[in-house]
C-alpha atoms as a PDB file:
ATOM      1  CA  MET A   1      -0.057  -0.315   0.095  1.00  0.00           C
ATOM      2  CA  ASN A   2       1.883   3.003  -0.899  1.00  0.00           C
ATOM      3  CA  SER A   3      -1.126   5.802  -1.665  1.00  0.00           C
ATOM      4  CA  PRO A   4      -0.802   9.664  -1.236  1.00  0.00           C
ATOM      5  CA  ALA A   5      -2.952   9.156   2.133  1.00  0.00           C
ATOM      6  CA  HIS A   6      -0.556   6.390   3.247  1.00  0.00           C
ATOM      7  CA  ARG A   7       2.872   8.367   2.423  1.00  0.00           C
ATOM      8  CA  SER A   8       1.189  11.227   4.301  1.00  0.00           C
ATOM      9  CA  HIS A   9       0.525   8.989   7.468  1.00  0.00           C
ATOM     10  CA  ARG A  10       4.329   7.954   7.440  1.00  0.00           C
ATOM     11  CA  ILE A  11       5.822  11.215   7.222  1.00  0.00           C
ATOM     12  CA  LEU A  12       3.487  13.013   9.794  1.00  0.00           C
ATOM     13  CA  ASP A  13       4.160   9.981  11.914  1.00  0.00           C
ATOM     14  CA  ALA A  14       7.885  10.593  11.686  1.00  0.00           C
ATOM     15  CA  VAL A  15       7.221  14.476  12.844  1.00  0.00           C
ATOM     16  CA  VAL A  16       5.274  12.826  16.014  1.00  0.00           C
ATOM     17  CA  ASP A  17       8.490  10.643  16.528  1.00  0.00           C
ATOM     18  CA  ALA A  18      10.989  13.490  16.344  1.00  0.00           C
ATOM     19  CA  VAL A  19       8.941  15.561  18.891  1.00  0.00           C
ATOM     20  CA  GLY A  20       8.221  12.661  21.182  1.00  0.00           C
ATOM     21  CA  GLY A  21      12.018  11.610  21.447  1.00  0.00           C
ATOM     22  CA  VAL A  22      11.663  14.861  23.243  1.00  0.00           C
ATOM     23  CA  LEU A  23       8.355  15.242  25.122  1.00  0.00           C
ATOM     24  CA  LEU A  24       8.141  11.757  26.641  1.00  0.00           C
ATOM     25  CA  GLY A  25       5.134   9.969  26.913  1.00  0.00           C
ATOM     26  CA  LYS A  26       2.841  12.491  25.440  1.00  0.00           C
ATOM     27  CA  GLU A  27       2.144  11.228  21.697  1.00  0.00           C
ATOM     28  CA  ARG A  28      -1.924  11.934  22.079  1.00  0.00           C
ATOM     29  CA  GLN A  29      -1.106  15.783  23.147  1.00  0.00           C
ATOM     30  CA  ILE A  30       1.373  16.088  20.299  1.00  0.00           C
ATOM     31  CA  ARG A  31      -0.810  14.274  17.365  1.00  0.00           C
ATOM     32  CA  LEU A  32      -3.499  16.672  18.461  1.00  0.00           C
ATOM     33  CA  ALA A  33      -1.323  19.758  18.280  1.00  0.00           C
ATOM     34  CA  LEU A  34      -0.282  18.315  14.690  1.00  0.00           C
ATOM     35  CA  ALA A  35      -3.897  17.963  13.992  1.00  0.00           C
ATOM     36  CA  CYS A  36      -4.659  21.836  15.435  1.00  0.00           C
ATOM     37  CA  LEU A  37      -1.747  23.417  12.850  1.00  0.00           C
ATOM     38  CA  LEU A  38      -2.926  20.839   9.694  1.00  0.00           C
ATOM     39  CA  SER A  39      -6.664  22.210  10.201  1.00  0.00           C
ATOM     40  CA  ARG A  40      -5.071  25.727  10.440  1.00  0.00           C
ATOM     41  CA  GLY A  41      -6.173  26.300  14.154  1.00  0.00           C
ATOM     42  CA  HIS A  42      -4.196  27.342  17.356  1.00  0.00           C
ATOM     43  CA  LEU A  43      -3.685  25.701  20.136  1.00  0.00           C
ATOM     44  CA  LEU A  44      -3.939  26.669  24.075  1.00  0.00           C
ATOM     45  CA  ILE A  45      -1.894  24.677  26.813  1.00  0.00           C
ATOM     46  CA  GLU A  46      -2.981  25.026  30.191  1.00  0.00           C
ATOM     47  CA  ASP A  47      -1.100  23.556  32.944  1.00  0.00           C
ATOM     48  CA  LEU A  48       1.692  24.433  35.561  1.00  0.00           C
ATOM     49  CA  PRO A  49       5.146  25.848  34.701  1.00  0.00           C
ATOM     50  CA  GLY A  50       7.765  22.541  33.855  1.00  0.00           C
ATOM     51  CA  MET A  51       5.471  20.565  32.307  1.00  0.00           C
ATOM     52  CA  GLY A  52       7.145  20.876  28.601  1.00  0.00           C
ATOM     53  CA  LYS A  53       4.786  23.639  27.042  1.00  0.00           C
ATOM     54  CA  THR A  54       7.656  25.399  25.449  1.00  0.00           C
ATOM     55  CA  THR A  55       9.454  22.002  24.523  1.00  0.00           C
ATOM     56  CA  LEU A  56       6.184  20.963  22.615  1.00  0.00           C
ATOM     57  CA  ALA A  57       5.842  24.263  20.605  1.00  0.00           C
ATOM     58  CA  HIS A  58       9.537  24.506  20.065  1.00  0.00           C
ATOM     59  CA  GLY A  59       9.833  20.636  19.189  1.00  0.00           C
ATOM     60  CA  LEU A  60       7.094  21.321  16.444  1.00  0.00           C
ATOM     61  CA  ALA A  61       8.764  24.199  14.949  1.00  0.00           C
ATOM     62  CA  ASN A  62      12.173  22.503  14.591  1.00  0.00           C
ATOM     63  CA  ALA A  63      10.707  19.213  13.119  1.00  0.00           C
ATOM     64  CA  LEU A  64       7.973  21.372  10.132  1.00  0.00           C
ATOM     65  CA  GLY A  65      10.982  23.525   9.083  1.00  0.00           C
ATOM     66  CA  LEU A  66       8.806  26.682  10.571  1.00  0.00           C
ATOM     67  CA  ALA A  67      10.289  30.233  11.801  1.00  0.00           C
ATOM     68  CA  PHE A  68       9.895  30.101  15.626  1.00  0.00           C
ATOM     69  CA  ASN A  69       9.366  33.308  18.021  1.00  0.00           C
ATOM     70  CA  ARG A  70       8.542  33.070  21.889  1.00  0.00           C
ATOM     71  CA  VAL A  71       6.708  35.746  23.792  1.00  0.00           C
ATOM     72  CA  GLN A  72       6.859  35.782  27.474  1.00  0.00           C
ATOM     73  CA  PHE A  73       3.726  37.769  28.472  1.00  0.00           C
ATOM     74  CA  THR A  74       4.016  39.889  31.448  1.00  0.00           C
ATOM     75  CA  SER A  75       1.994  42.160  33.425  1.00  0.00           C
ATOM     76  CA  ASP A  76       3.810  45.363  31.631  1.00  0.00           C
ATOM     77  CA  LEU A  77       3.733  43.658  27.727  1.00  0.00           C
ATOM     78  CA  LEU A  78       2.414  46.296  25.612  1.00  0.00           C
ATOM     79  CA  PRO A  79       0.170  45.493  22.031  1.00  0.00           C
ATOM     80  CA  ALA A  80       3.337  47.305  20.311  1.00  0.00           C
ATOM     81  CA  ASP A  81       5.714  44.886  21.961  1.00  0.00           C
ATOM     82  CA  ILE A  82       3.973  42.075  20.038  1.00  0.00           C
ATOM     83  CA  LEU A  83       2.893  43.251  16.801  1.00  0.00           C
ATOM     84  CA  GLY A  84       5.683  46.145  16.064  1.00  0.00           C
ATOM     85  CA  VAL A  85       6.083  49.550  15.528  1.00  0.00           C
ATOM     86  CA  SER A  86       6.893  52.280  13.512  1.00  0.00           C
ATOM     87  CA  VAL A  87      10.017  54.429  14.267  1.00  0.00           C
ATOM     88  CA  PHE A  88      11.304  57.779  12.688  1.00  0.00           C
ATOM     89  CA  ASP A  89      14.351  57.238  10.217  1.00  0.00           C
ATOM     90  CA  THR A  90      16.500  60.075  10.444  1.00  0.00           C
ATOM     91  CA  ASP A  91      18.632  59.299   7.623  1.00  0.00           C
ATOM     92  CA  ASN A  92      15.349  59.040   4.971  1.00  0.00           C
ATOM     93  CA  GLN A  93      13.243  61.353   6.664  1.00  0.00           C
ATOM     94  CA  ARG A  94      10.333  58.937   7.321  1.00  0.00           C
ATOM     95  CA  PHE A  95       8.647  56.362   9.628  1.00  0.00           C
ATOM     96  CA  ARG A  96       9.691  52.821   8.947  1.00  0.00           C
ATOM     97  CA  PHE A  97       7.967  49.771  10.733  1.00  0.00           C
ATOM     98  CA  HIS A  98       9.855  47.675  12.798  1.00  0.00           C
ATOM     99  CA  PRO A  99       8.073  44.175  12.634  1.00  0.00           C
ATOM    100  CA  GLY A 100       7.216  42.782  16.088  1.00  0.00           C
ATOM    101  CA  PRO A 101       7.966  38.900  17.171  1.00  0.00           C
ATOM    102  CA  ILE A 102       4.539  37.862  15.867  1.00  0.00           C
ATOM    103  CA  PHE A 103       5.884  38.255  12.119  1.00  0.00           C
ATOM    104  CA  CYS A 104       7.046  34.401  12.135  1.00  0.00           C
ATOM    105  CA  GLN A 105       5.121  30.727  11.169  1.00  0.00           C
ATOM    106  CA  LEU A 106       4.888  29.502  15.023  1.00  0.00           C
ATOM    107  CA  LEU A 107       4.377  32.059  17.728  1.00  0.00           C
ATOM    108  CA  LEU A 108       4.808  30.872  21.516  1.00  0.00           C
ATOM    109  CA  ALA A 109       2.346  33.019  23.642  1.00  0.00           C
ATOM    110  CA  ASP A 110       4.294  31.887  26.835  1.00  0.00           C
ATOM    111  CA  GLU A 111       1.987  32.580  30.524  1.00  0.00           C
ATOM    112  CA  ILE A 112      -0.666  34.697  27.590  1.00  0.00           C
ATOM    113  CA  ASN A 113      -2.542  34.927  31.016  1.00  0.00           C
ATOM    114  CA  ARG A 114      -0.302  36.891  32.971  1.00  0.00           C
ATOM    115  CA  THR A 115      -0.509  39.873  30.693  1.00  0.00           C
ATOM    116  CA  SER A 116      -3.455  42.721  30.563  1.00  0.00           C
ATOM    117  CA  PRO A 117      -6.840  42.187  28.540  1.00  0.00           C
ATOM    118  CA  LYS A 118      -5.718  44.779  26.129  1.00  0.00           C
ATOM    119  CA  THR A 119      -2.494  43.133  25.390  1.00  0.00           C
ATOM    120  CA  GLN A 120      -4.139  39.336  25.129  1.00  0.00           C
ATOM    121  CA  SER A 121      -6.943  41.094  22.510  1.00  0.00           C
ATOM    122  CA  ALA A 122      -3.859  42.234  20.137  1.00  0.00           C
ATOM    123  CA  LEU A 123      -3.764  38.665  19.196  1.00  0.00           C
ATOM    124  CA  LEU A 124      -7.314  38.476  18.118  1.00  0.00           C
ATOM    125  CA  GLU A 125      -6.790  39.937  14.686  1.00  0.00           C
ATOM    126  CA  ALA A 126      -3.773  37.685  13.978  1.00  0.00           C
ATOM    127  CA  MET A 127      -5.444  34.493  14.786  1.00  0.00           C
ATOM    128  CA  ALA A 128      -8.820  35.077  12.791  1.00  0.00           C
ATOM    129  CA  GLU A 129      -7.084  36.947   9.643  1.00  0.00           C
ATOM    130  CA  SER A 130      -3.516  35.672   9.638  1.00  0.00           C
ATOM    131  CA  GLN A 131      -2.928  39.661   9.319  1.00  0.00           C
ATOM    132  CA  VAL A 132      -2.059  42.356  11.745  1.00  0.00           C
ATOM    133  CA  THR A 133      -3.333  46.566  11.494  1.00  0.00           C
ATOM    134  CA  VAL A 134      -0.623  48.329  12.857  1.00  0.00           C
ATOM    135  CA  GLU A 135      -1.103  52.294  12.833  1.00  0.00           C
ATOM    136  CA  GLY A 136      -3.637  51.809   9.931  1.00  0.00           C
ATOM    137  CA  GLU A 137      -1.857  49.816   8.029  1.00  0.00           C
ATOM    138  CA  THR A 138      -2.810  46.008   7.230  1.00  0.00           C
ATOM    139  CA  ARG A 139       0.057  43.746   7.015  1.00  0.00           C
ATOM    140  CA  PRO A 140      -0.334  39.752   6.453  1.00  0.00           C
ATOM    141  CA  LEU A 141       1.496  37.461   8.604  1.00  0.00           C
ATOM    142  CA  PRO A 142       3.932  34.541   7.394  1.00  0.00           C
ATOM    143  CA  SER A 143       2.033  31.205   6.272  1.00  0.00           C
ATOM    144  CA  PRO A 144       1.508  28.978   7.870  1.00  0.00           C
ATOM    145  CA  PHE A 145       0.965  31.293  11.051  1.00  0.00           C
ATOM    146  CA  PHE A 146       0.203  28.877  14.033  1.00  0.00           C
ATOM    147  CA  VAL A 147      -0.136  30.448  17.546  1.00  0.00           C
ATOM    148  CA  ILE A 148       0.589  28.127  20.569  1.00  0.00           C
ATOM    149  CA  ALA A 149      -0.620  30.191  23.877  1.00  0.00           C
ATOM    150  CA  THR A 150       0.292  28.359  27.595  1.00  0.00           C
ATOM    151  CA  GLN A 151      -1.453  29.772  30.572  1.00  0.00           C
ATOM    152  CA  ASN A 152      -1.071  28.755  34.115  1.00  0.00           C
ATOM    153  CA  PRO A 153      -4.113  27.667  36.294  1.00  0.00           C
ATOM    154  CA  GLY A 154      -6.289  30.866  37.185  1.00  0.00           C
ATOM    155  CA  PHE A 155      -5.768  29.975  40.782  1.00  0.00           C
ATOM    156  CA  GLN A 156      -2.123  31.149  40.718  1.00  0.00           C
ATOM    157  CA  SER A 157      -1.367  34.800  41.683  1.00  0.00           C
ATOM    158  CA  GLY A 158      -1.130  37.454  39.184  1.00  0.00           C
ATOM    159  CA  THR A 159      -3.302  36.118  36.164  1.00  0.00           C
ATOM    160  CA  PHE A 160      -5.902  37.766  33.865  1.00  0.00           C
ATOM    161  CA  PRO A 161      -8.368  35.030  33.113  1.00  0.00           C
ATOM    162  CA  LEU A 162      -8.575  34.947  29.061  1.00  0.00           C
ATOM    163  CA  PRO A 163     -12.174  35.972  27.879  1.00  0.00           C
ATOM    164  CA  GLU A 164     -14.676  34.006  26.221  1.00  0.00           C
ATOM    165  CA  SER A 165     -14.065  35.500  22.854  1.00  0.00           C
ATOM    166  CA  GLN A 166     -10.238  34.842  23.339  1.00  0.00           C
ATOM    167  CA  ARG A 167     -10.666  31.325  24.142  1.00  0.00           C
ATOM    168  CA  ASP A 168     -13.017  30.472  21.380  1.00  0.00           C
ATOM    169  CA  ARG A 169     -10.142  31.663  18.912  1.00  0.00           C
ATOM    170  CA  PHE A 170      -7.931  28.789  20.271  1.00  0.00           C
ATOM    171  CA  THR A 171      -9.319  25.492  18.309  1.00  0.00           C
ATOM    172  CA  LEU A 172      -8.362  23.067  20.956  1.00  0.00           C
ATOM    173  CA  CYS A 173      -7.202  23.350  24.513  1.00  0.00           C
ATOM    174  CA  LEU A 174      -4.925  20.548  26.291  1.00  0.00           C
ATOM    175  CA  SER A 175      -2.755  19.820  29.424  1.00  0.00           C
ATOM    176  CA  LEU A 176       0.467  17.827  29.381  1.00  0.00           C
ATOM    177  CA  GLY A 177       0.535  16.736  32.844  1.00  0.00           C
ATOM    178  CA  TYR A 178       3.110  14.859  34.716  1.00  0.00           C
ATOM    179  CA  PRO A 179       4.822  12.061  32.768  1.00  0.00           C
ATOM    180  CA  ASP A 180       4.111   8.843  34.007  1.00  0.00           C
ATOM    181  CA  SER A 181       7.306   6.994  35.922  1.00  0.00           C
ATOM    182  CA  ALA A 182       8.883   5.306  33.076  1.00  0.00           C
ATOM    183  CA  SER A 183       8.912   8.497  30.839  1.00  0.00           C
ATOM    184  CA  GLU A 184       9.742  10.658  33.896  1.00  0.00           C
ATOM    185  CA  ARG A 185      13.079   8.248  34.407  1.00  0.00           C
ATOM    186  CA  GLU A 186      14.209   8.466  30.896  1.00  0.00           C
ATOM    187  CA  ILE A 187      13.694  12.396  31.067  1.00  0.00           C
ATOM    188  CA  LEU A 188      16.071  12.205  34.013  1.00  0.00           C
ATOM    189  CA  GLU A 189      18.560   9.915  32.647  1.00  0.00           C
ATOM    190  CA  GLY A 190      18.611  11.640  29.110  1.00  0.00           C
ATOM    191  CA  GLY A 191      20.563  14.380  29.925  1.00  0.00           C
ATOM    192  CA  ASP A 192      19.570  18.146  28.508  1.00  0.00           C
ATOM    193  CA  PRO A 193      16.302  17.937  26.521  1.00  0.00           C
ATOM    194  CA  ARG A 194      17.369  21.685  25.132  1.00  0.00           C
ATOM    195  CA  ALA A 195      20.213  19.916  23.263  1.00  0.00           C
ATOM    196  CA  ARG A 196      17.951  17.142  22.040  1.00  0.00           C
ATOM    197  CA  LEU A 197      15.569  19.684  20.661  1.00  0.00           C
ATOM    198  CA  ALA A 198      18.775  21.141  19.202  1.00  0.00           C
ATOM    199  CA  GLY A 199      18.846  17.432  16.860  1.00  0.00           C
ATOM    200  CA  ILE A 200      15.530  17.717  15.480  1.00  0.00           C
ATOM    201  CA  ARG A 201      15.727  18.681  11.909  1.00  0.00           C
ATOM    202  CA  PRO A 202      12.934  19.673   9.612  1.00  0.00           C
ATOM    203  CA  LEU A 203      10.861  16.397   8.324  1.00  0.00           C
ATOM    204  CA  LEU A 204       9.357  18.132   5.228  1.00  0.00           C
ATOM    205  CA  SER A 205       9.343  21.037   3.433  1.00  0.00           C
ATOM    206  CA  GLN A 206       7.272  24.231   3.103  1.00  0.00           C
ATOM    207  CA  GLU A 207       5.654  23.223   0.144  1.00  0.00           C
ATOM    208  CA  GLN A 208       4.585  19.516   1.829  1.00  0.00           C
ATOM    209  CA  LEU A 209       2.978  21.239   4.749  1.00  0.00           C
ATOM    210  CA  GLN A 210       1.149  23.434   2.688  1.00  0.00           C
ATOM    211  CA  ALA A 211      -0.080  20.448   0.921  1.00  0.00           C
ATOM    212  CA  PHE A 212      -1.138  18.369   4.096  1.00  0.00           C
ATOM    213  CA  GLN A 213      -3.051  21.519   4.969  1.00  0.00           C
ATOM    214  CA  ASP A 214      -4.982  21.759   1.825  1.00  0.00           C
ATOM    215  CA  SER A 215      -5.765  17.918   2.062  1.00  0.00           C
ATOM    216  CA  VAL A 216      -7.482  18.451   5.192  1.00  0.00           C
ATOM    217  CA  SER A 217     -10.567  20.136   3.284  1.00  0.00           C
ATOM    218  CA  GLN A 218     -10.526  17.190   0.867  1.00  0.00           C
ATOM    219  CA  VAL A 219     -11.219  14.426   3.386  1.00  0.00           C
ATOM    220  CA  LYS A 220     -14.739  13.259   2.670  1.00  0.00           C
ATOM    221  CA  ALA A 221     -17.430  13.343   5.333  1.00  0.00           C
ATOM    222  CA  ALA A 222     -20.553  10.932   4.610  1.00  0.00           C
ATOM    223  CA  ALA A 223     -24.068  12.254   5.577  1.00  0.00           C
ATOM    224  CA  PRO A 224     -23.991   9.617   8.732  1.00  0.00           C
ATOM    225  CA  VAL A 225     -20.830  11.130  10.082  1.00  0.00           C
ATOM    226  CA  LEU A 226     -21.865  14.437   9.767  1.00  0.00           C
ATOM    227  CA  ASP A 227     -25.443  13.561  11.494  1.00  0.00           C
ATOM    228  CA  TYR A 228     -23.271  12.160  14.861  1.00  0.00           C
ATOM    229  CA  LEU A 229     -21.581  15.753  14.667  1.00  0.00           C
ATOM    230  CA  GLN A 230     -24.961  17.874  14.602  1.00  0.00           C
ATOM    231  CA  ARG A 231     -26.107  15.383  17.292  1.00  0.00           C
ATOM    232  CA  LEU A 232     -22.897  15.837  19.656  1.00  0.00           C
ATOM    233  CA  VAL A 233     -23.263  19.483  19.134  1.00  0.00           C
ATOM    234  CA  GLN A 234     -26.708  19.896  19.222  1.00  0.00           C
ATOM    235  CA  PHE A 235     -26.393  17.951  23.131  1.00  0.00           C
ATOM    236  CA  THR A 236     -24.063  20.543  24.510  1.00  0.00           C
ATOM    237  CA  ARG A 237     -26.866  23.183  23.478  1.00  0.00           C
ATOM    238  CA  THR A 238     -30.087  21.398  24.942  1.00  0.00           C
ATOM    239  CA  ASP A 239     -28.134  19.627  28.170  1.00  0.00           C
ATOM    240  CA  PRO A 240     -29.703  21.321  31.124  1.00  0.00           C
ATOM    241  CA  ASP A 241     -26.241  20.843  32.955  1.00  0.00           C
ATOM    242  CA  THR A 242     -24.605  22.823  29.998  1.00  0.00           C
ATOM    243  CA  ALA A 243     -24.831  26.435  30.405  1.00  0.00           C
ATOM    244  CA  PHE A 244     -23.570  27.407  26.955  1.00  0.00           C
ATOM    245  CA  GLY A 245     -23.396  25.150  24.018  1.00  0.00           C
ATOM    246  CA  LEU A 246     -21.096  24.825  21.115  1.00  0.00           C
ATOM    247  CA  SER A 247     -21.164  27.702  18.630  1.00  0.00           C
ATOM    248  CA  PRO A 248     -21.663  26.844  14.538  1.00  0.00           C
ATOM    249  CA  ARG A 249     -18.234  28.337  14.311  1.00  0.00           C
ATOM    250  CA  ALA A 250     -17.014  25.267  17.045  1.00  0.00           C
ATOM    251  CA  ALA A 251     -19.010  22.844  15.270  1.00  0.00           C
ATOM    252  CA  LEU A 252     -16.840  23.782  11.789  1.00  0.00           C
ATOM    253  CA  ALA A 253     -14.074  23.763  14.038  1.00  0.00           C
ATOM    254  CA  LEU A 254     -14.809  20.123  14.918  1.00  0.00           C
ATOM    255  CA  LEU A 255     -15.026  18.862  11.577  1.00  0.00           C
ATOM    256  CA  HIS A 256     -12.023  20.411  10.384  1.00  0.00           C
ATOM    257  CA  VAL A 257      -9.838  19.030  13.063  1.00  0.00           C
ATOM    258  CA  ALA A 258     -11.754  15.502  12.947  1.00  0.00           C
ATOM    259  CA  ARG A 259     -10.703  15.778   9.079  1.00  0.00           C
ATOM    260  CA  ALA A 260      -7.110  16.771  10.481  1.00  0.00           C
ATOM    261  CA  TRP A 261      -6.997  13.828  12.435  1.00  0.00           C
ATOM    262  CA  ALA A 262      -7.911  11.337   9.563  1.00  0.00           C
ATOM    263  CA  VAL A 263      -5.371  12.722   7.576  1.00  0.00           C
ATOM    264  CA  LEU A 264      -3.050  11.852  10.391  1.00  0.00           C
ATOM    265  CA  GLU A 265      -4.220   8.457  10.645  1.00  0.00           C
ATOM    266  CA  GLY A 266      -3.416   8.146   6.852  1.00  0.00           C
ATOM    267  CA  ARG A 267      -7.158   8.381   5.731  1.00  0.00           C
ATOM    268  CA  GLN A 268      -9.239  10.365   3.247  1.00  0.00           C
ATOM    269  CA  TYR A 269     -12.462   9.861   4.859  1.00  0.00           C
ATOM    270  CA  LEU A 270     -13.811  10.884   8.183  1.00  0.00           C
ATOM    271  CA  ILE A 271     -15.184   8.360  11.007  1.00  0.00           C
ATOM    272  CA  PRO A 272     -17.117   8.661  14.029  1.00  0.00           C
ATOM    273  CA  GLU A 273     -13.669   7.943  15.930  1.00  0.00           C
ATOM    274  CA  ASP A 274     -12.236  11.046  14.403  1.00  0.00           C
ATOM    275  CA  ILE A 275     -14.789  13.198  15.995  1.00  0.00           C
ATOM    276  CA  GLN A 276     -14.393  11.282  19.483  1.00  0.00           C
ATOM    277  CA  ALA A 277     -10.597  11.422  19.617  1.00  0.00           C
ATOM    278  CA  VAL A 278     -10.781  15.511  19.098  1.00  0.00           C
ATOM    279  CA  PHE A 279     -14.171  16.615  20.843  1.00  0.00           C
ATOM    280  CA  PRO A 280     -12.762  16.844  24.714  1.00  0.00           C
ATOM    281  CA  ALA A 281      -9.704  18.913  23.278  1.00  0.00           C
ATOM    282  CA  LEU A 282     -12.245  21.244  21.260  1.00  0.00           C
ATOM    283  CA  ALA A 283     -15.302  21.669  23.644  1.00  0.00           C
ATOM    284  CA  GLY A 284     -13.411  21.459  26.894  1.00  0.00           C
ATOM    285  CA  HIS A 285     -12.583  25.292  27.077  1.00  0.00           C
ATOM    286  CA  ARG A 286     -15.798  26.004  25.404  1.00  0.00           C
ATOM    287  CA  LEU A 287     -18.138  24.628  27.559  1.00  0.00           C
ATOM    288  CA  GLU A 288     -19.581  25.959  31.425  1.00  0.00           C
ATOM    289  CA  GLY A 289     -21.718  23.709  33.635  1.00  0.00           C
ATOM    290  CA  THR A 290     -24.719  25.509  34.902  1.00  0.00           C
ATOM    291  CA  GLN A 291     -23.851  24.287  38.648  1.00  0.00           C
ATOM    292  CA  GLY A 292     -19.985  24.918  37.995  1.00  0.00           C
ATOM    293  CA  GLN A 293     -19.593  21.277  36.845  1.00  0.00           C
ATOM    294  CA  VAL A 294     -16.336  20.481  35.519  1.00  0.00           C
ATOM    295  CA  ALA A 295     -15.799  20.999  31.844  1.00  0.00           C
ATOM    296  CA  GLY A 296     -14.402  17.349  31.335  1.00  0.00           C
ATOM    297  CA  ALA A 297     -17.239  15.861  32.835  1.00  0.00           C
ATOM    298  CA  LEU A 298     -19.552  17.984  30.509  1.00  0.00           C
ATOM    299  CA  VAL A 299     -17.230  16.722  27.565  1.00  0.00           C
ATOM    300  CA  GLU A 300     -17.730  12.825  28.929  1.00  0.00           C
ATOM    301  CA  ARG A 301     -21.451  13.190  29.061  1.00  0.00           C
ATOM    302  CA  ALA A 302     -21.813  14.373  25.639  1.00  0.00           C
ATOM    303  CA  LEU A 303     -19.784  11.659  24.294  1.00  0.00           C
ATOM    304  CA  ASN A 304     -21.610   8.826  26.560  1.00  0.00           C
ATOM    305  CA  SER A 305     -25.082  10.263  25.624  1.00  0.00           C
ATOM    306  CA  VAL A 306     -25.328  10.460  21.788  1.00  0.00           C
ATOM    307  CA  ASP A 307     -25.614   7.329  19.865  1.00  0.00           C
ATOM    308  CA  ILE A 308     -23.157   7.160  16.969  1.00  0.00           C
ATOM    309  CA  MET A 309     -25.886   5.865  14.658  1.00  0.00           C
END
């Protein structure tokens, strides 16, 4: 078997393996992050410091050959520090724009909830339109443009919770969590992870990555599978324990990421298991309980309550 889908599967598996050689024991999270990128979405990682969030972002950038920038979000960070600013050039007697770190292909917005809402919102246009408007002029961002934002738990001091509109811009939200015992032992015996990160070389060209992203929209979704997706979304809107159900934009994002998951699995058609694989990461940060229920419980309730057929 050597179909285009099968070849894609092998190449993308190699990317997962390369990043997994540094971020040990987190294959599922790596695959979800890659599916998010292939679907042209953006990723939010919520976890404690030191869990490997930066390693995941840097590893993906290296394995995919993407221009990478990291911005450490702090309470005094300004929008211009991210987007860029015009400075007067005395030699040419005119203003010259100096691009900010957002002009890259993979932006790591580290600890995004430690900065003010005004600075957080500076990412909105970039994430939605792949462009930024500075001083009245619109400038396109490189392609692909992928944001991985990290945030610490809200109970930690010095945090500004992301507003709902900003959270909804992130296609997926996941947590890395503690490594299992075997993986942690391998980490302890494996030396400096930064050296292993530097050893990750690009495994595909920009043209190949673009082709993989384009192939996501070509994954066939049969009517019964779309029916299942709609029933799942509708359940979140009618469940009495859920305050707000998934929006049409979230439903479309669910379809896109599920198709990307199918590409990772080497298929050119969608099955219900693809939807189930990405649903927790897509819905968890969008759903709220009427009585303070944990989002994970609402996700499980939906998956367990909606029949596939």
